[in-house]
């Protein structure tokens, strides 16, 4: 999701429409990841559109991946990795995928669920006792950022964490009150180069407040970051170790990391702010540094926003889901678990054309739009996006690295690859 993501559905959905890339693509289940360009004449108009967008300075650059029925059919990069120094964007470039991390974290939790190590309706306090004391925000006093709470009237569960119904929030992209409260208690809200651990961050969160009662409604949140600590306790090992063994290595996602090894650092694409059309500057933010994949203490494994990856790596992950839990002969999840993940888990359904599954947003079958029913999707804070359609067995991924840039290339990508193919 991009910067403008908010707690309310209306703005969130607008971001999805701008960020989503449900290209006619299906990950390379049978295709090895490669830095080699793959071109199909079917997408010549799409290529022209993206070339023009970079030439006009609407975006610095973009990498796209289109896979259909397990075959990589289009894989290209356009424009610059760094438009200031005119470094071209390479096919093996690595992007901060931010909230695209969430579905991978949820998948890790479902692996433990299959093994009977966690329950979807287990109280979070079963694993994190400190979370039992968090109340719901009642009054907030801006003068000294103090606040009062009222007790919860329902138990926060693992399912709540996975589906943004826990009552937790974000600060930077949440309400003004929660932003100040999280800053006051040192909660890692998005990214960090500090030495804080997931355990320490959960302890800090437990000193703050919920924005609503658990299960009451949908509210975009740090739930997946708290889920990481649950996974660590249930599995008995650090999250990055569990993730590498259980998901990343089996799916051949060898370029996907929380913190990049030295050999991959030069492939990381910088994040840019647009000053004006065609004029760019490196993104700087008062609350975080985008250097987190390569610098700092490298201690925090953000299950909600911390991974960096490539379009081809991520397509392998989505292909596993299109294959109903299997990838190249290795089964990660049972088919029945895939059905559970894709089901509607909203306790108070919203008026929207998509619903919240356990790992993705899922397009409702009865709704009209670019995405056919059953399509699952999400996006990332620095302008990455994906969608996968089980009906046509297609996956589309587009990755850019910009902050707060409102442009239409992702929407045009969706239209030219998915609607008009």
Protein backbone atom coordinates (compact mmCIF):
# COMPACT_ATOMS: atom_id res chain seq x y z
CA UNK A 1 0.00 0.00 0.00
CA UNK A 2 1.11 3.44 -0.65
CA UNK A 3 1.47 6.23 1.86
CA UNK A 4 -2.16 7.36 1.59
CA UNK A 5 -3.51 4.17 3.13
CA UNK A 6 -5.85 4.97 5.95
CA UNK A 7 -7.97 3.16 8.44
CA UNK A 8 -11.14 3.75 6.47
CA UNK A 9 -12.27 1.46 3.70
CA UNK A 10 -12.96 4.21 1.20
CA UNK A 11 -9.39 5.49 1.01
CA UNK A 12 -7.98 2.00 1.35
CA UNK A 13 -10.01 0.81 -1.61
CA UNK A 14 -8.91 3.77 -3.68
CA UNK A 15 -5.34 2.75 -3.04
CA UNK A 16 -6.07 -0.80 -4.05
CA UNK A 17 -7.49 0.38 -7.36
CA UNK A 18 -4.42 2.47 -7.99
CA UNK A 19 -1.96 -0.08 -6.73
CA UNK A 20 -3.42 -3.35 -7.81
CA UNK A 21 -1.98 -5.26 -10.60
CA UNK A 22 -4.09 -8.09 -11.51
CA UNK A 23 -2.29 -8.64 -14.72
CA UNK A 24 -3.07 -11.65 -16.74
CA UNK A 25 -0.36 -13.55 -15.03
CA UNK A 26 0.40 -16.74 -13.31
CA UNK A 27 3.65 -17.19 -11.50
CA UNK A 28 6.50 -19.22 -12.81
CA UNK A 29 5.62 -22.48 -11.13
CA UNK A 30 7.54 -24.29 -13.79
CA UNK A 31 9.92 -21.44 -14.62
CA UNK A 32 13.22 -20.70 -12.94
CA UNK A 33 13.78 -17.17 -11.74
CA UNK A 34 16.02 -15.35 -14.16
CA UNK A 35 17.27 -11.86 -14.90
CA UNK A 36 16.60 -12.52 -18.58
CA UNK A 37 14.01 -10.36 -20.28
CA UNK A 38 10.93 -12.27 -21.51
CA UNK A 39 8.82 -10.45 -24.07
CA UNK A 40 5.44 -11.27 -25.59
CA UNK A 41 4.10 -9.18 -28.48
CA UNK A 42 0.68 -9.50 -26.83
CA UNK A 43 1.77 -6.76 -24.42
CA UNK A 44 3.36 -4.30 -26.84
CA UNK A 45 0.86 -1.56 -25.98
CA UNK A 46 1.50 -2.10 -22.29
CA UNK A 47 5.24 -1.82 -22.89
CA UNK A 48 4.75 1.40 -24.83
CA UNK A 49 2.64 2.84 -22.02
CA UNK A 50 5.26 2.07 -19.35
CA UNK A 51 8.09 3.35 -21.56
CA UNK A 52 6.22 6.61 -22.09
CA UNK A 53 5.47 6.93 -18.37
CA UNK A 54 9.18 6.77 -17.54
CA UNK A 55 10.14 9.12 -20.37
CA UNK A 56 7.58 11.69 -19.18
CA UNK A 57 8.81 11.35 -15.62
CA UNK A 58 5.52 10.04 -14.22
CA UNK A 59 7.46 7.20 -12.59
CA UNK A 60 11.21 6.63 -12.27
CA UNK A 61 10.94 3.00 -13.32
CA UNK A 62 8.91 -0.18 -13.04
CA UNK A 63 9.40 -3.93 -13.25
CA UNK A 64 6.56 -6.17 -14.36
CA UNK A 65 5.96 -9.88 -14.38
CA UNK A 66 3.12 -11.69 -16.12
CA UNK A 67 2.65 -15.43 -15.78
CA UNK A 68 -0.16 -17.50 -17.22
CA UNK A 69 -0.94 -21.09 -16.26
CA UNK A 70 2.45 -21.45 -14.63
CA UNK A 71 4.40 -20.06 -17.58
CA UNK A 72 6.34 -16.80 -17.43
CA UNK A 73 5.16 -14.95 -20.52
CA UNK A 74 6.27 -11.36 -19.94
CA UNK A 75 9.04 -10.04 -17.71
CA UNK A 76 10.46 -6.59 -18.33
CA UNK A 77 11.84 -3.54 -16.59
CA UNK A 78 11.42 0.08 -17.66
CA UNK A 79 13.19 3.32 -16.82
CA UNK A 80 15.61 3.90 -14.01
CA UNK A 81 16.64 2.33 -10.76
CA UNK A 82 18.04 5.77 -9.96
CA UNK A 83 16.72 8.58 -12.19
CA UNK A 84 19.13 11.13 -10.67
CA UNK A 85 22.30 9.26 -11.62
CA UNK A 86 20.56 7.57 -14.58
CA UNK A 87 21.18 4.00 -13.46
CA UNK A 88 18.89 1.75 -15.54
CA UNK A 89 16.47 -0.57 -13.78
CA UNK A 90 17.69 -4.15 -14.19
CA UNK A 91 15.54 -7.27 -14.45
CA UNK A 92 16.94 -8.68 -11.22
CA UNK A 93 16.30 -5.52 -9.18
CA UNK A 94 15.10 -5.91 -5.59
CA UNK A 95 12.22 -3.86 -4.18
CA UNK A 96 10.93 -3.16 -0.69
CA UNK A 97 7.58 -4.96 -0.89
CA UNK A 98 6.31 -3.63 2.46
CA UNK A 99 2.71 -4.82 3.02
CA UNK A 100 3.12 -7.63 0.51
CA UNK A 101 4.95 -9.21 3.47
CA UNK A 102 1.61 -9.65 5.26
CA UNK A 103 0.36 -12.56 3.18
CA UNK A 104 3.64 -14.42 3.65
CA UNK A 105 3.42 -13.94 7.42
CA UNK A 106 -0.18 -15.19 7.42
CA UNK A 107 0.92 -18.22 5.43
CA UNK A 108 3.55 -18.98 8.06
CA UNK A 109 0.84 -18.86 10.73
CA UNK A 110 -1.36 -21.24 8.74
CA UNK A 111 1.49 -23.75 8.53
CA UNK A 112 1.52 -23.76 12.33
CA UNK A 113 -2.29 -23.98 12.36
CA UNK A 114 -2.15 -27.13 10.24
CA UNK A 115 0.29 -28.64 12.74
CA UNK A 116 -1.99 -27.84 15.65
CA UNK A 117 0.49 -25.38 17.20
CA UNK A 118 -1.86 -22.37 17.09
CA UNK A 119 -5.62 -21.93 16.80
CA UNK A 120 -7.29 -19.18 14.83
CA UNK A 121 -9.55 -18.39 17.76
CA UNK A 122 -6.85 -18.71 20.42
CA UNK A 123 -6.57 -15.57 22.56
CA UNK A 124 -3.47 -13.57 21.65
CA UNK A 125 -2.78 -13.40 25.39
CA UNK A 126 -2.24 -17.18 25.41
CA UNK A 127 1.07 -16.45 23.67
CA UNK A 128 1.58 -12.81 24.69
CA UNK A 129 0.19 -12.32 28.22
CA UNK A 130 0.99 -8.57 28.18
CA UNK A 131 -1.58 -8.04 25.43
CA UNK A 132 -4.35 -9.00 27.85
CA UNK A 133 -4.05 -5.60 29.55
CA UNK A 134 -4.61 -3.40 26.47
CA UNK A 135 -7.84 -1.38 26.66
CA UNK A 136 -9.80 0.57 24.06
CA UNK A 137 -8.97 4.25 23.64
CA UNK A 138 -11.53 6.43 25.42
CA UNK A 139 -10.12 9.95 25.80
CA UNK A 140 -6.93 11.40 24.34
CA UNK A 141 -5.26 14.55 25.67
CA UNK A 142 -3.12 16.15 22.99
CA UNK A 143 -1.31 18.50 25.39
CA UNK A 144 0.69 15.68 26.99
CA UNK A 145 -0.35 12.72 24.78
CA UNK A 146 -1.89 10.98 27.79
CA UNK A 147 -5.03 8.91 27.31
CA UNK A 148 -7.63 6.85 29.09
CA UNK A 149 -9.06 3.49 28.06
CA UNK A 150 -12.09 1.34 28.69
CA UNK A 151 -11.83 -2.44 29.15
CA UNK A 152 -12.28 -4.75 26.18
CA UNK A 153 -15.58 -6.61 25.97
CA UNK A 154 -14.26 -9.42 23.77
CA UNK A 155 -11.04 -11.40 23.50
CA UNK A 156 -8.45 -10.48 20.84
CA UNK A 157 -7.70 -13.62 18.80
CA UNK A 158 -5.15 -14.82 16.26
CA UNK A 159 -7.83 -14.50 13.58
CA UNK A 160 -8.26 -10.84 14.55
CA UNK A 161 -4.53 -10.21 14.06
CA UNK A 162 -4.58 -11.79 10.61
CA UNK A 163 -7.64 -9.91 9.38
CA UNK A 164 -7.16 -6.37 10.74
CA UNK A 165 -10.01 -6.75 13.24
CA UNK A 166 -7.91 -6.76 16.43
CA UNK A 167 -8.40 -3.11 17.35
CA UNK A 168 -4.70 -2.42 16.81
CA UNK A 169 -3.76 0.43 14.51
CA UNK A 170 -0.92 1.98 12.58
CA UNK A 171 0.54 5.29 13.63
CA UNK A 172 2.11 6.84 10.55
CA UNK A 173 -0.81 5.81 8.34
CA UNK A 174 -3.42 5.73 11.09
CA UNK A 175 -5.17 8.34 13.19
CA UNK A 176 -3.40 11.39 14.59
CA UNK A 177 -4.04 10.11 18.12
CA UNK A 178 -2.53 6.69 17.52
CA UNK A 179 0.46 8.22 15.75
CA UNK A 180 1.28 10.26 18.85
CA UNK A 181 0.62 7.37 21.22
CA UNK A 182 2.87 4.99 19.28
CA UNK A 183 5.61 7.61 19.09
CA UNK A 184 5.35 8.18 22.85
CA UNK A 185 5.89 4.50 23.64
CA UNK A 186 8.48 3.88 20.93
CA UNK A 187 6.35 1.45 18.94
CA UNK A 188 7.95 0.43 15.64
CA UNK A 189 5.20 1.44 13.28
CA UNK A 190 6.66 0.80 9.84
CA UNK A 191 10.41 0.32 9.43
CA UNK A 192 13.43 0.61 11.66
CA UNK A 193 17.22 0.47 11.67
CA UNK A 194 17.24 0.39 15.50
CA UNK A 195 18.04 -2.60 17.71
CA UNK A 196 14.44 -3.23 18.82
CA UNK A 197 13.17 -6.82 18.60
CA UNK A 198 9.70 -8.13 17.86
CA UNK A 199 9.34 -9.12 21.51
CA UNK A 200 10.25 -5.63 22.70
CA UNK A 201 7.88 -4.02 20.22
CA UNK A 202 4.97 -6.16 21.38
CA UNK A 203 5.71 -5.15 24.98
CA UNK A 204 5.59 -1.51 23.90
CA UNK A 205 2.30 -2.03 22.06
CA UNK A 206 0.81 -3.57 25.21
CA UNK A 207 1.29 -0.21 26.95
CA UNK A 208 -0.81 1.65 24.37
CA UNK A 209 -4.46 1.30 23.38
CA UNK A 210 -6.79 -0.27 20.86
CA UNK A 211 -8.75 1.91 18.48
CA UNK A 212 -11.88 -0.27 18.72
CA UNK A 213 -13.12 -3.42 20.43
CA UNK A 214 -11.59 -6.69 19.10
CA UNK A 215 -13.75 -8.06 16.29
CA UNK A 216 -15.87 -4.93 16.03
CA UNK A 217 -14.70 -3.78 12.60
CA UNK A 218 -11.91 -3.76 10.02
CA UNK A 219 -9.00 -1.38 10.67
CA UNK A 220 -5.62 -1.59 8.94
CA UNK A 221 -3.07 -2.37 11.61
CA UNK A 222 0.12 -3.76 13.12
CA UNK A 223 -1.63 -7.08 13.67
CA UNK A 224 0.77 -8.98 11.42
CA UNK A 225 3.76 -7.63 13.35
CA UNK A 226 2.25 -8.92 16.59
CA UNK A 227 1.53 -12.22 14.81
CA UNK A 228 5.26 -12.62 14.20
CA UNK A 229 5.86 -12.89 17.93
CA UNK A 230 3.08 -15.48 18.23
CA UNK A 231 4.76 -17.50 15.47
CA UNK A 232 8.12 -17.27 17.22
CA UNK A 233 6.66 -18.54 20.50
CA UNK A 234 4.61 -21.32 18.87
CA UNK A 235 7.47 -22.49 16.64
CA UNK A 236 10.23 -21.99 19.20
CA UNK A 237 12.55 -20.20 16.78
CA UNK A 238 13.20 -16.76 15.26
CA UNK A 239 10.71 -15.74 12.60
CA UNK A 240 13.29 -15.28 9.86
CA UNK A 241 14.63 -18.82 10.43
CA UNK A 242 11.14 -20.34 10.34
CA UNK A 243 10.19 -18.35 7.24
CA UNK A 244 13.32 -19.30 5.32
CA UNK A 245 12.93 -23.03 5.98
CA UNK A 246 9.15 -23.34 5.65
CA UNK A 247 8.33 -20.88 2.83
CA UNK A 248 11.13 -18.95 1.15
CA UNK A 249 13.47 -21.85 0.36
CA UNK A 250 10.75 -24.30 -0.75
CA UNK A 251 9.35 -21.60 -3.06
CA UNK A 252 12.82 -20.76 -4.41
CA UNK A 253 12.48 -17.19 -3.18
CA UNK A 254 16.23 -16.80 -2.88
CA UNK A 255 16.20 -13.03 -3.39
CA UNK A 256 13.62 -12.37 -0.67
CA UNK A 257 14.99 -11.19 2.69
CA UNK A 258 14.30 -8.95 5.65
CA UNK A 259 17.94 -7.86 5.49
CA UNK A 260 19.86 -8.32 2.26
CA UNK A 261 23.16 -10.19 2.20
CA UNK A 262 26.12 -8.18 0.93
CA UNK A 263 25.94 -9.87 -2.46
CA UNK A 264 22.45 -8.47 -3.11
CA UNK A 265 22.71 -4.96 -1.67
CA UNK A 266 23.56 -3.24 -4.96
CA UNK A 267 20.37 -4.59 -6.52
CA UNK A 268 18.10 -2.74 -4.06
CA UNK A 269 16.17 0.07 -5.79
CA UNK A 270 16.14 3.43 -3.93
CA UNK A 271 12.82 5.03 -2.95
CA UNK A 272 12.08 8.39 -4.56
CA UNK A 273 9.81 11.37 -3.98
CA UNK A 274 8.63 13.29 -7.04
CA UNK A 275 9.37 17.01 -6.79
CA UNK A 276 7.77 17.71 -10.14
CA UNK A 277 7.10 15.79 -13.32
CA UNK A 278 10.43 14.18 -14.19
CA UNK A 279 12.21 15.61 -11.13
CA UNK A 280 13.04 13.22 -8.32
CA UNK A 281 14.76 13.21 -4.96
CA UNK A 282 15.64 10.40 -2.57
CA UNK A 283 12.86 9.79 -0.09
CA UNK A 284 13.55 11.00 3.44
CA UNK A 285 11.12 10.67 6.32
CA UNK A 286 11.34 11.94 9.92
CA UNK A 287 10.16 8.66 11.46
CA UNK A 288 12.06 6.00 9.53
CA UNK A 289 14.90 5.30 7.10
CA UNK A 290 14.48 3.36 3.88
CA UNK A 291 17.97 1.96 4.47
CA UNK A 292 16.51 -0.73 6.74
CA UNK A 293 17.17 -3.66 4.34
CA UNK A 294 20.93 -2.95 4.27
CA UNK A 295 21.90 -0.78 7.27
CA UNK A 296 21.33 -0.53 11.00
CA UNK A 297 20.96 -3.20 13.65
CA UNK A 298 18.93 -5.59 11.45
CA UNK A 299 17.10 -6.94 14.49
CA UNK A 300 13.40 -6.40 13.75
CA UNK A 301 11.46 -8.84 11.55
CA UNK A 302 8.37 -6.94 10.50
CA UNK A 303 5.69 -9.39 9.47
CA UNK A 304 3.58 -6.54 8.18
CA UNK A 305 6.05 -4.60 6.03
CA UNK A 306 9.66 -5.78 6.33
CA UNK A 307 10.56 -7.96 3.34
CA UNK A 308 12.32 -7.01 0.11
CA UNK A 309 11.87 -9.17 -2.96
CA UNK A 310 11.63 -9.38 -6.75
CA UNK A 311 8.60 -9.82 -9.04
CA UNK A 312 9.71 -13.33 -9.98
CA UNK A 313 10.27 -14.42 -6.39
CA UNK A 314 6.86 -13.16 -5.37
CA UNK A 315 5.22 -14.84 -8.32
CA UNK A 316 6.40 -18.18 -6.96
CA UNK A 317 4.55 -17.46 -3.73
CA UNK A 318 1.35 -16.59 -5.58
CA UNK A 319 1.69 -19.62 -7.84
CA UNK A 320 1.71 -21.86 -4.79
CA UNK A 321 -1.73 -20.48 -3.97
CA UNK A 322 -2.99 -20.91 -7.52
CA UNK A 323 -1.70 -24.49 -7.30
CA UNK A 324 -3.82 -24.93 -4.15
CA UNK A 325 -0.89 -25.22 -1.77
CA UNK A 326 1.76 -26.96 -3.88
CA UNK A 327 4.86 -25.74 -5.71
CA UNK A 328 7.04 -27.90 -7.95
CA UNK A 329 6.02 -31.09 -6.21
CA UNK A 330 6.38 -29.70 -2.68
CA UNK A 331 3.20 -29.20 -0.66
CA UNK A 332 3.27 -26.24 1.72
CA UNK A 333 -0.44 -26.12 2.60
CA UNK A 334 -3.35 -28.53 2.28
CA UNK A 335 -6.05 -27.68 -0.26
CA UNK A 336 -8.63 -27.36 2.50
CA UNK A 337 -6.36 -24.79 4.18
CA UNK A 338 -6.33 -22.73 1.00
CA UNK A 339 -10.13 -22.69 1.11
CA UNK A 340 -10.01 -21.52 4.74
CA UNK A 341 -7.56 -18.74 3.88
CA UNK A 342 -9.67 -17.51 0.95
CA UNK A 343 -12.95 -17.49 2.89
CA UNK A 344 -14.56 -14.28 4.19
CA UNK A 345 -13.39 -13.74 7.78
CA UNK A 346 -15.03 -10.37 8.43
CA UNK A 347 -17.14 -10.56 11.57
CA UNK A 348 -19.07 -7.43 10.60
CA UNK A 349 -18.96 -7.42 6.78
CA UNK A 350 -18.35 -4.07 5.11
CA UNK A 351 -20.06 -2.61 2.06
CA UNK A 352 -17.24 -3.22 -0.37
CA UNK A 353 -16.55 -5.18 -3.55
CA UNK A 354 -13.90 -7.25 -1.76
CA UNK A 355 -13.65 -9.03 1.56
CA UNK A 356 -10.84 -9.80 3.99
CA UNK A 357 -9.46 -13.34 3.87
CA UNK A 358 -6.79 -14.66 6.21
CA UNK A 359 -3.94 -13.63 3.91
CA UNK A 360 -5.36 -11.47 1.11
CA UNK A 361 -8.12 -9.18 0.02
CA UNK A 362 -10.47 -11.27 -2.14
CA UNK A 363 -12.78 -9.92 -4.84
CA UNK A 364 -16.43 -10.75 -4.23
CA UNK A 365 -18.01 -12.91 -6.92
CA UNK A 366 -21.10 -10.71 -7.21
CA UNK A 367 -19.17 -7.45 -7.59
CA UNK A 368 -18.26 -5.75 -10.83
CA UNK A 369 -14.78 -4.41 -11.47
CA UNK A 370 -11.43 -5.11 -13.03
CA UNK A 371 -10.92 -8.21 -10.92
CA UNK A 372 -13.13 -11.27 -11.44
CA UNK A 373 -14.61 -12.94 -8.40
CA UNK A 374 -12.11 -14.88 -6.33
CA UNK A 375 -9.13 -12.78 -7.38
CA UNK A 376 -6.82 -12.19 -4.42
CA UNK A 377 -4.61 -9.13 -4.15
CA UNK A 378 -2.72 -6.60 -2.05
CA UNK A 379 -0.04 -3.92 -2.42
CA UNK A 380 2.90 -2.25 -0.72
CA UNK A 381 3.65 1.15 0.84
CA UNK A 382 6.32 2.08 -1.72
CA UNK A 383 4.11 1.35 -4.73
CA UNK A 384 4.30 -2.37 -5.38
CA UNK A 385 1.21 -4.38 -6.24
CA UNK A 386 -0.04 -7.82 -7.19
CA UNK A 387 -3.16 -9.82 -7.96
CA UNK A 388 -3.86 -13.44 -8.89
CA UNK A 389 -6.96 -14.86 -10.56
CA UNK A 390 -7.73 -18.54 -9.90
CA UNK A 391 -10.21 -18.67 -12.80
CA UNK A 392 -7.76 -17.78 -15.56
CA UNK A 393 -4.77 -18.93 -13.50
CA UNK A 394 -3.05 -15.62 -14.05
CA UNK A 395 -0.86 -13.45 -11.83
CA UNK A 396 0.24 -9.89 -12.39
CA UNK A 397 2.96 -8.05 -10.49
CA UNK A 398 4.24 -4.52 -10.89
CA UNK A 399 6.91 -3.02 -8.67
CA UNK A 400 7.95 0.60 -8.34
CA UNK A 401 9.71 2.43 -5.49
CA UNK A 402 8.04 5.77 -4.87
CA UNK A 403 6.46 7.52 -1.90
CA UNK A 404 3.22 9.49 -2.07
CA UNK A 405 3.21 9.59 -5.87
CA UNK A 406 -0.32 9.57 -7.28
CA UNK A 407 -0.07 8.21 -10.80
CA UNK A 408 -2.07 5.81 -12.93
CA UNK A 409 0.42 3.30 -14.35
CA UNK A 410 -0.77 0.44 -12.15
CA UNK A 411 -4.40 1.00 -13.09
CA UNK A 412 -3.44 1.18 -16.77
CA UNK A 413 -1.38 -1.95 -16.34
CA UNK A 414 -4.45 -3.75 -14.96
CA UNK A 415 -6.63 -2.59 -17.81
CA UNK A 416 -4.20 -3.44 -20.60
CA UNK A 417 -3.10 -6.81 -19.23
CA UNK A 418 -6.20 -8.11 -17.51
CA UNK A 419 -9.30 -6.41 -18.90
CA UNK A 420 -8.28 -5.98 -22.50
CA UNK A 421 -6.28 -9.11 -23.16
